[in-house]
C-alpha atoms as a PDB file:
ATOM      1  CA  UNK A   1       8.110 -23.857 -44.105  1.00  0.00           C
ATOM      2  CA  UNK A   2       5.113 -24.756 -42.051  1.00  0.00           C
ATOM      3  CA  UNK A   3       4.824 -27.598 -39.539  1.00  0.00           C
ATOM      4  CA  UNK A   4       4.398 -30.318 -42.205  1.00  0.00           C
ATOM      5  CA  UNK A   5       7.319 -29.195 -44.342  1.00  0.00           C
ATOM      6  CA  UNK A   6       5.281 -27.418 -47.021  1.00  0.00           C
ATOM      7  CA  UNK A   7       6.237 -23.915 -48.002  1.00  0.00           C
ATOM      8  CA  UNK A   8       3.707 -21.166 -47.341  1.00  0.00           C
ATOM      9  CA  UNK A   9       4.186 -17.569 -48.238  1.00  0.00           C
ATOM     10  CA  UNK A  10       2.323 -15.274 -45.878  1.00  0.00           C
ATOM     11  CA  UNK A  11       3.001 -11.597 -45.981  1.00  0.00           C
ATOM     12  CA  UNK A  12       1.465  -9.128 -43.570  1.00  0.00           C
ATOM     13  CA  UNK A  13       0.706  -5.706 -44.936  1.00  0.00           C
ATOM     14  CA  UNK A  14       1.643  -2.997 -42.451  1.00  0.00           C
ATOM     15  CA  UNK A  15      -0.648  -0.468 -44.140  1.00  0.00           C
ATOM     16  CA  UNK A  16      -3.901  -2.387 -44.057  1.00  0.00           C
ATOM     17  CA  UNK A  17      -3.313  -5.087 -41.438  1.00  0.00           C
ATOM     18  CA  UNK A  18      -4.094  -7.753 -43.983  1.00  0.00           C
ATOM     19  CA  UNK A  19      -2.180 -10.777 -45.139  1.00  0.00           C
ATOM     20  CA  UNK A  20      -1.696 -12.193 -48.580  1.00  0.00           C
ATOM     21  CA  UNK A  21      -1.238 -15.825 -49.417  1.00  0.00           C
ATOM     22  CA  UNK A  22      -4.459 -16.750 -47.634  1.00  0.00           C
ATOM     23  CA  UNK A  23      -8.047 -15.573 -47.633  1.00  0.00           C
ATOM     24  CA  UNK A  24      -8.425 -12.036 -48.937  1.00  0.00           C
ATOM     25  CA  UNK A  25     -10.128  -9.471 -46.769  1.00  0.00           C
ATOM     26  CA  UNK A  26      -9.347 -11.266 -43.501  1.00  0.00           C
ATOM     27  CA  UNK A  27      -7.319  -9.146 -41.054  1.00  0.00           C
ATOM     28  CA  UNK A  28      -4.082 -10.524 -39.683  1.00  0.00           C
ATOM     29  CA  UNK A  29      -4.159 -11.609 -36.043  1.00  0.00           C
ATOM     30  CA  UNK A  30      -2.160 -10.021 -33.268  1.00  0.00           C
ATOM     31  CA  UNK A  31       1.156 -11.761 -32.591  1.00  0.00           C
ATOM     32  CA  UNK A  32       0.340 -12.141 -28.897  1.00  0.00           C
ATOM     33  CA  UNK A  33      -2.861 -13.981 -29.789  1.00  0.00           C
ATOM     34  CA  UNK A  34      -1.278 -16.212 -32.437  1.00  0.00           C
ATOM     35  CA  UNK A  35       2.079 -17.061 -30.829  1.00  0.00           C
ATOM     36  CA  UNK A  36       0.877 -19.540 -28.147  1.00  0.00           C
ATOM     37  CA  UNK A  37      -0.897 -21.675 -30.753  1.00  0.00           C
ATOM     38  CA  UNK A  38       2.122 -21.591 -33.079  1.00  0.00           C
ATOM     39  CA  UNK A  39       4.492 -22.595 -30.258  1.00  0.00           C
ATOM     40  CA  UNK A  40       2.160 -25.433 -29.271  1.00  0.00           C
ATOM     41  CA  UNK A  41       1.921 -26.596 -32.883  1.00  0.00           C
ATOM     42  CA  UNK A  42       5.721 -26.635 -33.195  1.00  0.00           C
ATOM     43  CA  UNK A  43       6.146 -28.377 -29.836  1.00  0.00           C
ATOM     44  CA  UNK A  44       8.025 -25.438 -28.338  1.00  0.00           C
ATOM     45  CA  UNK A  45       5.540 -24.503 -25.625  1.00  0.00           C
ATOM     46  CA  UNK A  46       7.117 -26.932 -23.126  1.00  0.00           C
ATOM     47  CA  UNK A  47      10.582 -25.530 -23.839  1.00  0.00           C
ATOM     48  CA  UNK A  48       9.260 -22.029 -23.202  1.00  0.00           C
ATOM     49  CA  UNK A  49       7.757 -23.207 -19.918  1.00  0.00           C
ATOM     50  CA  UNK A  50      11.061 -24.861 -18.936  1.00  0.00           C
ATOM     51  CA  UNK A  51      12.804 -21.543 -19.640  1.00  0.00           C
ATOM     52  CA  UNK A  52      10.314 -19.757 -17.416  1.00  0.00           C
ATOM     53  CA  UNK A  53      11.000 -22.317 -14.654  1.00  0.00           C
ATOM     54  CA  UNK A  54      14.740 -21.624 -14.943  1.00  0.00           C
ATOM     55  CA  UNK A  55      14.174 -17.865 -14.711  1.00  0.00           C
ATOM     56  CA  UNK A  56      11.822 -18.204 -11.732  1.00  0.00           C
ATOM     57  CA  UNK A  57      13.832 -20.924  -9.918  1.00  0.00           C
ATOM     58  CA  UNK A  58      14.759 -18.713  -6.917  1.00  0.00           C
ATOM     59  CA  UNK A  59      11.054 -18.082  -6.313  1.00  0.00           C
ATOM     60  CA  UNK A  60      10.385 -21.830  -6.414  1.00  0.00           C
ATOM     61  CA  UNK A  61      13.128 -23.088  -4.064  1.00  0.00           C
ATOM     62  CA  UNK A  62      14.402 -19.938  -2.333  1.00  0.00           C
ATOM     63  CA  UNK A  63      17.632 -18.041  -2.827  1.00  0.00           C
ATOM     64  CA  UNK A  64      19.857 -20.426  -0.840  1.00  0.00           C
ATOM     65  CA  UNK A  65      18.909 -23.546  -2.842  1.00  0.00           C
ATOM     66  CA  UNK A  66      18.727 -21.618  -6.118  1.00  0.00           C
ATOM     67  CA  UNK A  67      22.300 -20.444  -5.586  1.00  0.00           C
ATOM     68  CA  UNK A  68      23.498 -24.059  -5.520  1.00  0.00           C
ATOM     69  CA  UNK A  69      21.125 -25.747  -7.980  1.00  0.00           C
ATOM     70  CA  UNK A  70      19.849 -25.275 -11.519  1.00  0.00           C
ATOM     71  CA  UNK A  71      16.839 -26.892 -13.210  1.00  0.00           C
ATOM     72  CA  UNK A  72      17.997 -28.417 -16.500  1.00  0.00           C
ATOM     73  CA  UNK A  73      15.003 -30.019 -18.246  1.00  0.00           C
ATOM     74  CA  UNK A  74      11.865 -32.106 -17.765  1.00  0.00           C
ATOM     75  CA  UNK A  75      11.625 -35.582 -19.248  1.00  0.00           C
ATOM     76  CA  UNK A  76       9.096 -38.306 -18.487  1.00  0.00           C
ATOM     77  CA  UNK A  77       7.570 -36.327 -15.628  1.00  0.00           C
ATOM     78  CA  UNK A  78      10.965 -35.926 -13.951  1.00  0.00           C
ATOM     79  CA  UNK A  79      12.580 -32.543 -13.350  1.00  0.00           C
ATOM     80  CA  UNK A  80      16.348 -32.903 -13.740  1.00  0.00           C
ATOM     81  CA  UNK A  81      18.223 -30.591 -11.389  1.00  0.00           C
ATOM     82  CA  UNK A  82      21.981 -29.961 -11.374  1.00  0.00           C
ATOM     83  CA  UNK A  83      23.416 -29.464  -7.880  1.00  0.00           C
ATOM     84  CA  UNK A  84      26.851 -28.134  -6.842  1.00  0.00           C
ATOM     85  CA  UNK A  85      27.748 -30.809  -4.262  1.00  0.00           C
ATOM     86  CA  UNK A  86      26.479 -33.688  -2.114  1.00  0.00           C
ATOM     87  CA  UNK A  87      25.503 -31.449   0.791  1.00  0.00           C
ATOM     88  CA  UNK A  88      23.107 -29.426  -1.367  1.00  0.00           C
ATOM     89  CA  UNK A  89      21.902 -32.592  -3.073  1.00  0.00           C
ATOM     90  CA  UNK A  90      20.865 -33.945   0.321  1.00  0.00           C
ATOM     91  CA  UNK A  91      19.156 -30.655   1.185  1.00  0.00           C
ATOM     92  CA  UNK A  92      17.125 -30.774  -2.031  1.00  0.00           C
ATOM     93  CA  UNK A  93      16.192 -34.398  -1.352  1.00  0.00           C
ATOM     94  CA  UNK A  94      14.919 -33.276   2.054  1.00  0.00           C
ATOM     95  CA  UNK A  95      12.637 -30.695   0.321  1.00  0.00           C
ATOM     96  CA  UNK A  96      11.799 -32.886  -2.686  1.00  0.00           C
ATOM     97  CA  UNK A  97       8.053 -33.282  -2.042  1.00  0.00           C
ATOM     98  CA  UNK A  98       7.587 -29.568  -1.449  1.00  0.00           C
ATOM     99  CA  UNK A  99       9.553 -28.686  -4.615  1.00  0.00           C
ATOM    100  CA  UNK A 100       7.528 -31.087  -6.767  1.00  0.00           C
ATOM    101  CA  UNK A 101       4.257 -29.717  -5.372  1.00  0.00           C
ATOM    102  CA  UNK A 102       5.316 -26.107  -5.923  1.00  0.00           C
ATOM    103  CA  UNK A 103       6.533 -26.746  -9.486  1.00  0.00           C
ATOM    104  CA  UNK A 104       3.289 -28.591 -10.223  1.00  0.00           C
ATOM    105  CA  UNK A 105       1.245 -25.673  -8.929  1.00  0.00           C
ATOM    106  CA  UNK A 106       3.241 -22.940 -10.703  1.00  0.00           C
ATOM    107  CA  UNK A 107       4.015 -24.845 -13.927  1.00  0.00           C
ATOM    108  CA  UNK A 108       1.173 -27.357 -14.419  1.00  0.00           C
ATOM    109  CA  UNK A 109       1.879 -27.819 -18.142  1.00  0.00           C
ATOM    110  CA  UNK A 110       5.269 -29.391 -17.328  1.00  0.00           C
ATOM    111  CA  UNK A 111       3.536 -32.274 -15.473  1.00  0.00           C
ATOM    112  CA  UNK A 112       6.434 -32.747 -13.006  1.00  0.00           C
ATOM    113  CA  UNK A 113       5.881 -35.781 -10.752  1.00  0.00           C
ATOM    114  CA  UNK A 114       9.399 -36.229  -9.379  1.00  0.00           C
ATOM    115  CA  UNK A 115      12.950 -34.942  -9.485  1.00  0.00           C
ATOM    116  CA  UNK A 116      16.331 -36.359 -10.487  1.00  0.00           C
ATOM    117  CA  UNK A 117      19.505 -34.812  -9.137  1.00  0.00           C
ATOM    118  CA  UNK A 118      22.935 -34.696 -10.743  1.00  0.00           C
ATOM    119  CA  UNK A 119      26.212 -33.303  -9.450  1.00  0.00           C
ATOM    120  CA  UNK A 120      27.437 -30.474 -11.631  1.00  0.00           C
ATOM    121  CA  UNK A 121      29.630 -27.593 -10.574  1.00  0.00           C
ATOM    122  CA  UNK A 122      28.538 -24.188 -11.804  1.00  0.00           C
ATOM    123  CA  UNK A 123      30.783 -23.121 -14.706  1.00  0.00           C
ATOM    124  CA  UNK A 124      32.002 -19.812 -13.265  1.00  0.00           C
ATOM    125  CA  UNK A 125      33.517 -21.395 -10.144  1.00  0.00           C
END
Protein backbone atom coordinates (compact mmCIF):
# COMPACT_ATOMS: atom_id res chain seq x y z
CA UNK A 1 0.00 0.00 0.00
CA UNK A 2 1.26 3.45 -0.71
CA UNK A 3 1.01 6.49 1.56
CA UNK A 4 -2.68 7.17 0.77
CA UNK A 5 -3.82 3.59 1.29
CA UNK A 6 -4.07 2.64 -2.39
CA UNK A 7 -2.41 -0.53 -3.55
CA UNK A 8 0.41 -0.20 -6.07
CA UNK A 9 2.26 -3.07 -7.58
CA UNK A 10 5.81 -2.13 -8.48
CA UNK A 11 8.24 -4.82 -9.42
CA UNK A 12 11.90 -4.17 -10.13
CA UNK A 13 13.51 -6.34 -12.74
CA UNK A 14 16.98 -7.42 -11.67
CA UNK A 15 17.99 -8.20 -15.26
CA UNK A 16 17.22 -4.88 -16.88
CA UNK A 17 17.00 -2.45 -13.96
CA UNK A 18 13.49 -1.52 -14.96
CA UNK A 19 10.24 -1.51 -13.07
CA UNK A 20 6.80 -2.57 -14.12
CA UNK A 21 3.58 -1.09 -12.89
CA UNK A 22 4.67 2.40 -13.91
CA UNK A 23 6.09 4.06 -16.99
CA UNK A 24 7.76 1.60 -19.33
CA UNK A 25 11.35 2.19 -20.33
CA UNK A 26 12.19 4.25 -17.24
CA UNK A 27 15.04 2.78 -15.16
CA UNK A 28 14.47 2.10 -11.49
CA UNK A 29 16.21 4.48 -9.09
CA UNK A 30 18.92 3.49 -6.65
CA UNK A 31 17.61 2.66 -3.18
CA UNK A 32 20.01 5.13 -1.55
CA UNK A 33 18.61 7.92 -3.72
CA UNK A 34 14.95 6.99 -3.21
CA UNK A 35 14.91 6.03 0.49
CA UNK A 36 15.18 9.53 2.05
CA UNK A 37 12.17 10.77 0.08
CA UNK A 38 10.14 7.66 0.96
CA UNK A 39 10.98 8.00 4.67
CA UNK A 40 10.02 11.68 4.57
CA UNK A 41 6.76 10.87 2.80
CA UNK A 42 5.90 8.25 5.43
CA UNK A 43 6.90 10.56 8.29
CA UNK A 44 9.71 8.26 9.42
CA UNK A 45 12.64 10.59 8.76
CA UNK A 46 12.37 12.15 12.25
CA UNK A 47 12.31 8.71 13.87
CA UNK A 48 15.45 7.78 11.94
CA UNK A 49 17.11 10.98 13.12
CA UNK A 50 16.07 10.25 16.73
CA UNK A 51 17.66 6.80 16.37
CA UNK A 52 20.85 8.40 15.12
CA UNK A 53 20.82 10.75 18.14
CA UNK A 54 20.51 7.74 20.47
CA UNK A 55 23.42 5.98 18.77
CA UNK A 56 25.61 9.10 18.85
CA UNK A 57 24.60 10.23 22.37
CA UNK A 58 28.07 9.69 23.91
CA UNK A 59 29.54 12.03 21.29
CA UNK A 60 26.92 14.65 22.15
CA UNK A 61 27.19 14.68 25.96
CA UNK A 62 30.41 12.76 26.69
CA UNK A 63 30.89 9.28 28.08
CA UNK A 64 30.20 10.16 31.73
CA UNK A 65 26.76 11.72 31.08
CA UNK A 66 25.91 9.18 28.37
CA UNK A 67 26.53 6.38 30.86
CA UNK A 68 23.82 7.77 33.14
CA UNK A 69 21.32 9.21 30.64
CA UNK A 70 19.43 8.14 27.53
CA UNK A 71 17.62 10.30 24.97
CA UNK A 72 14.09 8.93 24.54
CA UNK A 73 12.24 11.05 21.96
CA UNK A 74 11.60 14.58 20.70
CA UNK A 75 8.16 16.13 21.00
CA UNK A 76 7.16 19.77 20.59
CA UNK A 77 10.77 20.91 20.34
CA UNK A 78 11.66 19.21 23.63
CA UNK A 79 14.20 16.40 23.88
CA UNK A 80 13.07 13.96 26.57
CA UNK A 81 16.02 12.43 28.41
CA UNK A 82 15.86 9.59 30.94
CA UNK A 83 18.38 9.96 33.78
CA UNK A 84 19.47 7.39 36.39
CA UNK A 85 19.20 9.58 39.51
CA UNK A 86 18.84 13.12 40.87
CA UNK A 87 22.58 13.77 40.95
CA UNK A 88 22.92 13.14 37.21
CA UNK A 89 19.70 15.04 36.55
CA UNK A 90 21.24 18.09 38.21
CA UNK A 91 24.44 17.65 36.20
CA UNK A 92 22.48 17.58 32.94
CA UNK A 93 20.53 20.66 34.00
CA UNK A 94 23.87 22.40 34.56
CA UNK A 95 24.88 21.56 30.93
CA UNK A 96 21.40 22.03 29.45
CA UNK A 97 22.17 25.03 27.20
CA UNK A 98 25.29 23.40 25.80
CA UNK A 99 23.42 20.12 25.13
CA UNK A 100 20.57 21.89 23.33
CA UNK A 101 23.04 23.87 21.19
CA UNK A 102 25.05 20.76 20.30
CA UNK A 103 21.95 18.70 19.43
CA UNK A 104 20.67 21.60 17.32
CA UNK A 105 23.95 21.80 15.45
CA UNK A 106 24.35 18.04 14.89
CA UNK A 107 20.66 17.18 14.36
CA UNK A 108 19.01 20.32 12.94
CA UNK A 109 16.01 18.42 11.53
CA UNK A 110 14.90 17.50 15.08
CA UNK A 111 14.41 21.21 15.93
CA UNK A 112 15.30 20.73 19.63
CA UNK A 113 14.78 23.94 21.64
CA UNK A 114 14.83 22.52 25.17
CA UNK A 115 15.09 19.37 27.24
CA UNK A 116 12.85 17.53 29.69
CA UNK A 117 14.36 15.15 32.20
CA UNK A 118 12.78 12.08 33.78
CA UNK A 119 14.12 9.69 36.39
CA UNK A 120 14.43 6.19 35.00
CA UNK A 121 16.84 3.52 36.13
CA UNK A 122 18.59 1.64 33.35
CA UNK A 123 16.99 -1.81 32.97
CA UNK A 124 20.13 -3.92 33.43
CA UNK A 125 20.90 -2.53 36.90
